[in-house]
Amino acid sequence: MKLTTFAITDIGMKRKVNQDAYLKDDQSLFYVVADGMGGHKGGEVASKIAVDEMGKYYKENPNQSGRDVLDKAINRSCAEIHKQSQENEELSGMGTTVVSILFQDDTAYIGQVGDSRAYLLQGQGIWQVTEDHSLINEEIRAGRLEAHQASGFQFKNVITRSVGYESQVAVDIYRRRVRVGDTFLLCTDGLSGLVEISEIAQEILAHGPEMGLKKLVSMANARGGEDNITGIVIRVDAT
């Protein structure tokens, strides 16, 4: 499989520390984005553990199915983050989101915990593949909140599932057969919270993975840059 990929992480306009991390392994066709949280430095530590442990796991288990790799790699990082948070008071309560994609043969496996997202562009269309594990999404699904009310919701940053809060976590896994031209975006909510899904499609389709993602990050910063911003764009050029 031949891919064109580009990754970027940006501290944003308001934060003093970048608590996001990513893995871009073009050789293994494995990509991870993590958005850490917790304490003075816990979030930064948690997201780094996640991407490091996941990359290590796949290198040790290259023949496992994509579904097993993502579930077990995320849970291994979950156990390690939880262990370190229990052993070090400064890291107590730390955790991270994870959204990841692994390509095997003609299939993309996507694993996700938290509110970091995966989008898929096919032709001129775009849709969100993953579903946020967040309080706001639960309220919308239950019919207690309309989508247009989201920006004013008091608990809009509360997630309902994270990697490391407990020693194990339920991982949502999606499987998609890929076609030439398919383009995936993995990103943290520092990006998805400030740009519209239609703008994501417009910029990436018009400018390609690198320039398109740079433009989206600039847009998020111009709109306040409230959080760290991280994204990876992966375009399938040949299967």
C-alpha atoms as a PDB file:
ATOM      1  CA  MET A   1       0.000   0.000   0.000  1.00  0.00           C
ATOM      2  CA  LYS A   2       1.280   3.471  -0.888  1.00  0.00           C
ATOM      3  CA  LEU A   3       0.305   6.396   1.324  1.00  0.00           C
ATOM      4  CA  THR A   4       0.928  10.128   1.443  1.00  0.00           C
ATOM      5  CA  THR A   5       0.998  11.298   5.061  1.00  0.00           C
ATOM      6  CA  PHE A   6       1.551  14.463   7.038  1.00  0.00           C
ATOM      7  CA  ALA A   7       1.430  15.120  10.795  1.00  0.00           C
ATOM      8  CA  ILE A   8       1.554  18.275  12.866  1.00  0.00           C
ATOM      9  CA  THR A   9       1.231  19.215  16.529  1.00  0.00           C
ATOM     10  CA  ASP A  10       0.796  22.796  17.724  1.00  0.00           C
ATOM     11  CA  ILE A  11       0.633  24.147  21.260  1.00  0.00           C
ATOM     12  CA  GLY A  12      -2.244  26.469  20.354  1.00  0.00           C
ATOM     13  CA  MET A  13      -2.743  30.003  21.659  1.00  0.00           C
ATOM     14  CA  LYS A  14      -3.727  29.479  25.316  1.00  0.00           C
ATOM     15  CA  ARG A  15      -1.831  26.507  26.763  1.00  0.00           C
ATOM     16  CA  LYS A  16       1.683  26.632  28.263  1.00  0.00           C
ATOM     17  CA  VAL A  17       2.413  22.951  27.610  1.00  0.00           C
ATOM     18  CA  ASN A  18       1.591  20.689  24.679  1.00  0.00           C
ATOM     19  CA  GLN A  19      -0.099  17.611  26.156  1.00  0.00           C
ATOM     20  CA  ASP A  20      -0.777  16.048  22.755  1.00  0.00           C
ATOM     21  CA  ALA A  21       1.449  13.399  21.171  1.00  0.00           C
ATOM     22  CA  TYR A  22       1.420  11.393  17.965  1.00  0.00           C
ATOM     23  CA  LEU A  23       3.003   8.401  16.256  1.00  0.00           C
ATOM     24  CA  LYS A  24       3.551   8.447  12.495  1.00  0.00           C
ATOM     25  CA  ASP A  25       5.107   5.143  11.445  1.00  0.00           C
ATOM     26  CA  ASP A  26       5.045   5.069   7.650  1.00  0.00           C
ATOM     27  CA  GLN A  27       6.996   1.809   7.547  1.00  0.00           C
ATOM     28  CA  SER A  28       4.457  -0.082   9.662  1.00  0.00           C
ATOM     29  CA  LEU A  29       1.480   1.935   8.317  1.00  0.00           C
ATOM     30  CA  PHE A  30       0.514   2.694  11.910  1.00  0.00           C
ATOM     31  CA  TYR A  31      -0.659   6.120  13.125  1.00  0.00           C
ATOM     32  CA  VAL A  32      -1.744   7.330  16.574  1.00  0.00           C
ATOM     33  CA  VAL A  33      -2.939  10.652  18.002  1.00  0.00           C
ATOM     34  CA  ALA A  34      -3.282  11.146  21.775  1.00  0.00           C
ATOM     35  CA  ASP A  35      -4.591  14.071  23.836  1.00  0.00           C
ATOM     36  CA  GLY A  36      -3.361  13.846  27.429  1.00  0.00           C
ATOM     37  CA  MET A  37      -4.964  15.260  30.552  1.00  0.00           C
ATOM     38  CA  GLY A  38      -4.393  15.446  34.280  1.00  0.00           C
ATOM     39  CA  GLY A  39      -2.323  17.483  36.702  1.00  0.00           C
ATOM     40  CA  HIS A  40       0.687  19.710  36.160  1.00  0.00           C
ATOM     41  CA  LYS A  41       2.526  17.352  33.817  1.00  0.00           C
ATOM     42  CA  GLY A  42       0.410  14.197  33.840  1.00  0.00           C
ATOM     43  CA  GLY A  43      -1.263  14.808  30.487  1.00  0.00           C
ATOM     44  CA  GLU A  44       2.033  15.239  28.699  1.00  0.00           C
ATOM     45  CA  VAL A  45       3.340  12.016  30.255  1.00  0.00           C
ATOM     46  CA  ALA A  46       0.160  10.034  29.538  1.00  0.00           C
ATOM     47  CA  SER A  47      -0.021  10.880  25.836  1.00  0.00           C
ATOM     48  CA  LYS A  48       3.666  10.059  25.357  1.00  0.00           C
ATOM     49  CA  ILE A  49       3.284   6.709  27.125  1.00  0.00           C
ATOM     50  CA  ALA A  50       0.319   5.903  24.881  1.00  0.00           C
ATOM     51  CA  VAL A  51       2.079   6.525  21.573  1.00  0.00           C
ATOM     52  CA  ASP A  52       5.321   4.874  22.737  1.00  0.00           C
ATOM     53  CA  GLU A  53       3.663   1.750  24.143  1.00  0.00           C
ATOM     54  CA  MET A  54       1.382   1.333  21.139  1.00  0.00           C
ATOM     55  CA  GLY A  55       4.249   1.613  18.683  1.00  0.00           C
ATOM     56  CA  LYS A  56       6.288  -0.849  20.709  1.00  0.00           C
ATOM     57  CA  TYR A  57       3.415  -3.332  20.933  1.00  0.00           C
ATOM     58  CA  TYR A  58       2.926  -3.521  17.173  1.00  0.00           C
ATOM     59  CA  LYS A  59       6.634  -3.975  16.544  1.00  0.00           C
ATOM     60  CA  GLU A  60       6.557  -6.935  18.954  1.00  0.00           C
ATOM     61  CA  ASN A  61       3.348  -8.394  17.436  1.00  0.00           C
ATOM     62  CA  PRO A  62       3.402  -7.598  13.703  1.00  0.00           C
ATOM     63  CA  ASN A  63       1.404 -10.679  12.695  1.00  0.00           C
ATOM     64  CA  GLN A  64      -1.661 -10.042  14.835  1.00  0.00           C
ATOM     65  CA  SER A  65      -4.891  -8.916  13.227  1.00  0.00           C
ATOM     66  CA  GLY A  66      -5.505  -5.176  13.140  1.00  0.00           C
ATOM     67  CA  ARG A  67      -8.395  -5.498  15.565  1.00  0.00           C
ATOM     68  CA  ASP A  68      -6.269  -7.361  18.123  1.00  0.00           C
ATOM     69  CA  VAL A  69      -3.320  -5.007  17.720  1.00  0.00           C
ATOM     70  CA  LEU A  70      -5.394  -1.912  18.446  1.00  0.00           C
ATOM     71  CA  ASP A  71      -7.302  -3.383  21.375  1.00  0.00           C
ATOM     72  CA  LYS A  72      -4.228  -4.872  23.031  1.00  0.00           C
ATOM     73  CA  ALA A  73      -1.871  -1.980  22.272  1.00  0.00           C
ATOM     74  CA  ILE A  74      -4.286   0.573  23.703  1.00  0.00           C
ATOM     75  CA  ASN A  75      -4.895  -1.580  26.763  1.00  0.00           C
ATOM     76  CA  ARG A  76      -1.171  -2.097  27.320  1.00  0.00           C
ATOM     77  CA  SER A  77      -0.667   1.660  27.314  1.00  0.00           C
ATOM     78  CA  CYS A  78      -3.719   1.995  29.560  1.00  0.00           C
ATOM     79  CA  ALA A  79      -2.213  -0.362  32.148  1.00  0.00           C
ATOM     80  CA  GLU A  80       1.139   1.454  32.071  1.00  0.00           C
ATOM     81  CA  ILE A  81      -0.413   4.920  32.419  1.00  0.00           C
ATOM     82  CA  HIS A  82      -2.590   3.725  35.300  1.00  0.00           C
ATOM     83  CA  LYS A  83       0.394   2.073  37.015  1.00  0.00           C
ATOM     84  CA  GLN A  84       2.517   5.212  36.819  1.00  0.00           C
ATOM     85  CA  SER A  85      -0.360   7.388  38.027  1.00  0.00           C
ATOM     86  CA  GLN A  86      -0.714   5.139  41.091  1.00  0.00           C
ATOM     87  CA  GLU A  87       3.021   5.178  41.844  1.00  0.00           C
ATOM     88  CA  ASN A  88       3.681   8.900  41.397  1.00  0.00           C
ATOM     89  CA  GLU A  89       1.488  11.428  43.190  1.00  0.00           C
ATOM     90  CA  GLU A  90       2.399  14.142  40.656  1.00  0.00           C
ATOM     91  CA  LEU A  91       0.866  11.988  37.922  1.00  0.00           C
ATOM     92  CA  SER A  92      -2.238  10.962  39.862  1.00  0.00           C
ATOM     93  CA  GLY A  93      -5.388  10.899  37.745  1.00  0.00           C
ATOM     94  CA  MET A  94      -3.609  11.297  34.428  1.00  0.00           C
ATOM     95  CA  GLY A  95      -5.086   9.808  31.275  1.00  0.00           C
ATOM     96  CA  THR A  96      -5.316  10.346  27.553  1.00  0.00           C
ATOM     97  CA  THR A  97      -7.553   9.986  24.563  1.00  0.00           C
ATOM     98  CA  VAL A  98      -6.372   7.802  21.687  1.00  0.00           C
ATOM     99  CA  VAL A  99      -7.398   7.593  18.057  1.00  0.00           C
ATOM    100  CA  SER A 100      -5.341   5.304  15.856  1.00  0.00           C
ATOM    101  CA  ILE A 101      -5.324   3.697  12.442  1.00  0.00           C
ATOM    102  CA  LEU A 102      -3.499   0.613  11.208  1.00  0.00           C
ATOM    103  CA  PHE A 103      -3.477  -0.467   7.569  1.00  0.00           C
ATOM    104  CA  GLN A 104      -3.273  -4.188   6.775  1.00  0.00           C
ATOM    105  CA  ASP A 105      -3.710  -5.434   3.203  1.00  0.00           C
ATOM    106  CA  ASP A 106      -6.614  -3.374   1.798  1.00  0.00           C
ATOM    107  CA  THR A 107      -8.199  -2.632   5.171  1.00  0.00           C
ATOM    108  CA  ALA A 108      -7.977   0.243   7.649  1.00  0.00           C
ATOM    109  CA  TYR A 109      -8.537  -0.609  11.319  1.00  0.00           C
ATOM    110  CA  ILE A 110      -9.387   2.368  13.526  1.00  0.00           C
ATOM    111  CA  GLY A 111      -9.224   2.213  17.329  1.00  0.00           C
ATOM    112  CA  GLN A 112     -10.513   5.005  19.544  1.00  0.00           C
ATOM    113  CA  VAL A 113     -11.055   6.011  23.173  1.00  0.00           C
ATOM    114  CA  GLY A 114     -12.172   9.508  24.216  1.00  0.00           C
ATOM    115  CA  ASP A 115     -13.060  12.464  22.011  1.00  0.00           C
ATOM    116  CA  SER A 116     -10.176  12.522  19.533  1.00  0.00           C
ATOM    117  CA  ARG A 117     -11.632  11.761  16.115  1.00  0.00           C
ATOM    118  CA  ALA A 118     -11.106   9.967  12.839  1.00  0.00           C
ATOM    119  CA  TYR A 119     -12.650  11.416   9.683  1.00  0.00           C
ATOM    120  CA  LEU A 120     -12.796   9.803   6.244  1.00  0.00           C
ATOM    121  CA  LEU A 121     -12.894  11.714   2.962  1.00  0.00           C
ATOM    122  CA  GLN A 122     -14.134   9.713  -0.035  1.00  0.00           C
ATOM    123  CA  GLY A 123     -14.637  11.516  -3.319  1.00  0.00           C
ATOM    124  CA  GLN A 124     -16.108  14.898  -2.389  1.00  0.00           C
ATOM    125  CA  GLY A 125     -17.753  13.579   0.780  1.00  0.00           C
ATOM    126  CA  ILE A 126     -16.572  13.461   4.382  1.00  0.00           C
ATOM    127  CA  TRP A 127     -17.891  11.839   7.528  1.00  0.00           C
ATOM    128  CA  GLN A 128     -16.812  11.240  11.098  1.00  0.00           C
ATOM    129  CA  VAL A 129     -15.939   7.561  11.506  1.00  0.00           C
ATOM    130  CA  THR A 130     -15.598   7.556  15.295  1.00  0.00           C
ATOM    131  CA  GLU A 131     -18.088   8.534  17.972  1.00  0.00           C
ATOM    132  CA  ASP A 132     -16.954  10.783  20.820  1.00  0.00           C
ATOM    133  CA  HIS A 133     -16.867   9.282  24.303  1.00  0.00           C
ATOM    134  CA  SER A 134     -17.990  12.543  25.883  1.00  0.00           C
ATOM    135  CA  LEU A 135     -20.731  13.795  28.161  1.00  0.00           C
ATOM    136  CA  ILE A 136     -21.924  16.231  25.525  1.00  0.00           C
ATOM    137  CA  ASN A 137     -22.309  13.451  22.953  1.00  0.00           C
ATOM    138  CA  GLU A 138     -24.261  11.339  25.455  1.00  0.00           C
ATOM    139  CA  GLU A 139     -26.603  14.279  26.088  1.00  0.00           C
ATOM    140  CA  ILE A 140     -27.155  14.794  22.352  1.00  0.00           C
ATOM    141  CA  ARG A 141     -27.784  11.077  21.757  1.00  0.00           C
ATOM    142  CA  ALA A 142     -30.258  10.974  24.645  1.00  0.00           C
ATOM    143  CA  GLY A 143     -32.163  13.908  23.149  1.00  0.00           C
ATOM    144  CA  ARG A 144     -31.484  16.204  26.111  1.00  0.00           C
ATOM    145  CA  LEU A 145     -29.359  18.590  24.053  1.00  0.00           C
ATOM    146  CA  GLU A 146     -29.443  19.809  20.464  1.00  0.00           C
ATOM    147  CA  ALA A 147     -26.199  19.766  18.460  1.00  0.00           C
ATOM    148  CA  HIS A 148     -26.381  23.539  17.915  1.00  0.00           C
ATOM    149  CA  GLN A 149     -26.396  24.050  21.709  1.00  0.00           C
ATOM    150  CA  ALA A 150     -23.068  22.257  22.131  1.00  0.00           C
ATOM    151  CA  SER A 151     -20.824  25.326  22.282  1.00  0.00           C
ATOM    152  CA  GLY A 152     -22.640  26.656  25.349  1.00  0.00           C
ATOM    153  CA  PHE A 153     -22.796  23.338  27.214  1.00  0.00           C
ATOM    154  CA  GLN A 154     -21.203  23.649  30.667  1.00  0.00           C
ATOM    155  CA  PHE A 155     -19.456  20.262  30.577  1.00  0.00           C
ATOM    156  CA  LYS A 156     -18.434  20.186  26.922  1.00  0.00           C
ATOM    157  CA  ASN A 157     -14.861  19.082  27.715  1.00  0.00           C
ATOM    158  CA  VAL A 158     -15.806  16.137  29.951  1.00  0.00           C
ATOM    159  CA  ILE A 159     -14.997  12.755  28.433  1.00  0.00           C
ATOM    160  CA  THR A 160     -16.638   9.537  29.580  1.00  0.00           C
ATOM    161  CA  ARG A 161     -13.858   7.137  28.650  1.00  0.00           C
ATOM    162  CA  SER A 162     -10.077   7.568  28.750  1.00  0.00           C
ATOM    163  CA  VAL A 163      -6.876   5.560  28.515  1.00  0.00           C
ATOM    164  CA  GLY A 164      -5.242   5.226  31.935  1.00  0.00           C
ATOM    165  CA  TYR A 165      -8.004   6.329  34.290  1.00  0.00           C
ATOM    166  CA  GLU A 166      -8.431   2.642  35.112  1.00  0.00           C
ATOM    167  CA  SER A 167      -6.092  -0.241  34.275  1.00  0.00           C
ATOM    168  CA  GLN A 168      -8.259  -1.412  31.355  1.00  0.00           C
ATOM    169  CA  VAL A 169     -10.541   0.328  28.889  1.00  0.00           C
ATOM    170  CA  ALA A 170     -13.142  -0.621  26.286  1.00  0.00           C
ATOM    171  CA  VAL A 171     -11.811   0.294  22.838  1.00  0.00           C
ATOM    172  CA  ASP A 172     -14.129   1.135  19.943  1.00  0.00           C
ATOM    173  CA  ILE A 173     -12.763  -0.477  16.788  1.00  0.00           C
ATOM    174  CA  TYR A 174     -13.905   0.239  13.234  1.00  0.00           C
ATOM    175  CA  ARG A 175     -12.937  -1.636  10.091  1.00  0.00           C
ATOM    176  CA  ARG A 176     -13.048  -0.172   6.575  1.00  0.00           C
ATOM    177  CA  ARG A 177     -11.936  -1.490   3.229  1.00  0.00           C
ATOM    178  CA  VAL A 178      -9.951   1.287   1.577  1.00  0.00           C
ATOM    179  CA  ARG A 179      -9.917   2.572  -1.987  1.00  0.00           C
ATOM    180  CA  VAL A 180      -7.410   4.687  -3.845  1.00  0.00           C
ATOM    181  CA  GLY A 181      -8.043   8.334  -2.984  1.00  0.00           C
ATOM    182  CA  ASP A 182      -9.473   7.663   0.475  1.00  0.00           C
ATOM    183  CA  THR A 183      -8.099  10.220   2.923  1.00  0.00           C
ATOM    184  CA  PHE A 184      -8.206   9.891   6.707  1.00  0.00           C
ATOM    185  CA  LEU A 185      -7.731  12.612   9.314  1.00  0.00           C
ATOM    186  CA  LEU A 186      -6.917  11.733  12.923  1.00  0.00           C
ATOM    187  CA  CYS A 187      -7.134  14.760  15.219  1.00  0.00           C
ATOM    188  CA  THR A 188      -7.573  16.037  18.747  1.00  0.00           C
ATOM    189  CA  ASP A 189     -10.486  18.213  19.816  1.00  0.00           C
ATOM    190  CA  GLY A 190      -8.226  21.259  19.628  1.00  0.00           C
ATOM    191  CA  LEU A 191      -8.818  21.001  15.886  1.00  0.00           C
ATOM    192  CA  SER A 192     -12.265  19.401  15.587  1.00  0.00           C
ATOM    193  CA  GLY A 193     -13.733  21.781  18.173  1.00  0.00           C
ATOM    194  CA  LEU A 194     -12.844  24.884  16.168  1.00  0.00           C
ATOM    195  CA  VAL A 195     -13.248  23.920  12.510  1.00  0.00           C
ATOM    196  CA  GLU A 196     -16.366  22.591  10.821  1.00  0.00           C
ATOM    197  CA  ILE A 197     -16.414  19.195   9.139  1.00  0.00           C
ATOM    198  CA  SER A 198     -17.162  20.915   5.819  1.00  0.00           C
ATOM    199  CA  GLU A 199     -14.043  23.070   6.249  1.00  0.00           C
ATOM    200  CA  ILE A 200     -11.919  19.978   6.858  1.00  0.00           C
ATOM    201  CA  ALA A 201     -13.103  18.513   3.561  1.00  0.00           C
ATOM    202  CA  GLN A 202     -12.671  21.784   1.701  1.00  0.00           C
ATOM    203  CA  GLU A 203      -9.087  22.447   2.819  1.00  0.00           C
ATOM    204  CA  ILE A 204      -7.746  18.903   2.442  1.00  0.00           C
ATOM    205  CA  LEU A 205      -9.406  18.320  -0.928  1.00  0.00           C
ATOM    206  CA  ALA A 206      -8.207  21.682  -2.243  1.00  0.00           C
ATOM    207  CA  HIS A 207      -4.665  21.681  -0.862  1.00  0.00           C
ATOM    208  CA  GLY A 208      -3.691  18.057  -0.140  1.00  0.00           C
ATOM    209  CA  PRO A 209      -2.532  16.458   3.134  1.00  0.00           C
ATOM    210  CA  GLU A 210       0.291  18.813   4.133  1.00  0.00           C
ATOM    211  CA  MET A 211      -0.948  22.254   3.143  1.00  0.00           C
ATOM    212  CA  GLY A 212      -4.551  21.350   3.929  1.00  0.00           C
ATOM    213  CA  LEU A 213      -3.695  20.340   7.496  1.00  0.00           C
ATOM    214  CA  LYS A 214      -1.491  23.401   8.015  1.00  0.00           C
ATOM    215  CA  LYS A 215      -4.369  25.632   6.913  1.00  0.00           C
ATOM    216  CA  LEU A 216      -6.771  23.892   9.314  1.00  0.00           C
ATOM    217  CA  VAL A 217      -4.367  24.380  12.237  1.00  0.00           C
ATOM    218  CA  SER A 218      -4.029  28.070  11.321  1.00  0.00           C
ATOM    219  CA  MET A 219      -7.826  28.383  11.249  1.00  0.00           C
ATOM    220  CA  ALA A 220      -8.133  26.805  14.711  1.00  0.00           C
ATOM    221  CA  ASN A 221      -5.511  29.173  16.122  1.00  0.00           C
ATOM    222  CA  ALA A 222      -7.160  32.181  14.472  1.00  0.00           C
ATOM    223  CA  ARG A 223     -10.401  31.193  16.227  1.00  0.00           C
ATOM    224  CA  GLY A 224      -8.785  31.239  19.651  1.00  0.00           C
ATOM    225  CA  GLY A 225      -6.542  28.156  19.731  1.00  0.00           C
ATOM    226  CA  GLU A 226      -8.074  27.174  23.080  1.00  0.00           C
ATOM    227  CA  ASP A 227      -6.294  23.796  23.228  1.00  0.00           C
ATOM    228  CA  ASN A 228      -3.311  21.971  21.789  1.00  0.00           C
ATOM    229  CA  ILE A 229      -3.900  20.985  18.160  1.00  0.00           C
ATOM    230  CA  THR A 230      -2.677  17.733  16.618  1.00  0.00           C
ATOM    231  CA  GLY A 231      -3.564  15.971  13.394  1.00  0.00           C
ATOM    232  CA  ILE A 232      -2.375  13.335  10.961  1.00  0.00           C
ATOM    233  CA  VAL A 233      -3.655  13.154   7.380  1.00  0.00           C
ATOM    234  CA  ILE A 234      -3.233   9.873   5.496  1.00  0.00           C
ATOM    235  CA  ARG A 235      -4.138   9.605   1.810  1.00  0.00           C
ATOM    236  CA  VAL A 236      -4.264   6.216   0.070  1.00  0.00           C
ATOM    237  CA  ASP A 237      -2.405   6.525  -3.254  1.00  0.00           C
ATOM    238  CA  ALA A 238      -2.282   2.805  -4.126  1.00  0.00           C
ATOM    239  CA  THR A 239      -3.575  -0.386  -2.516  1.00  0.00           C
END
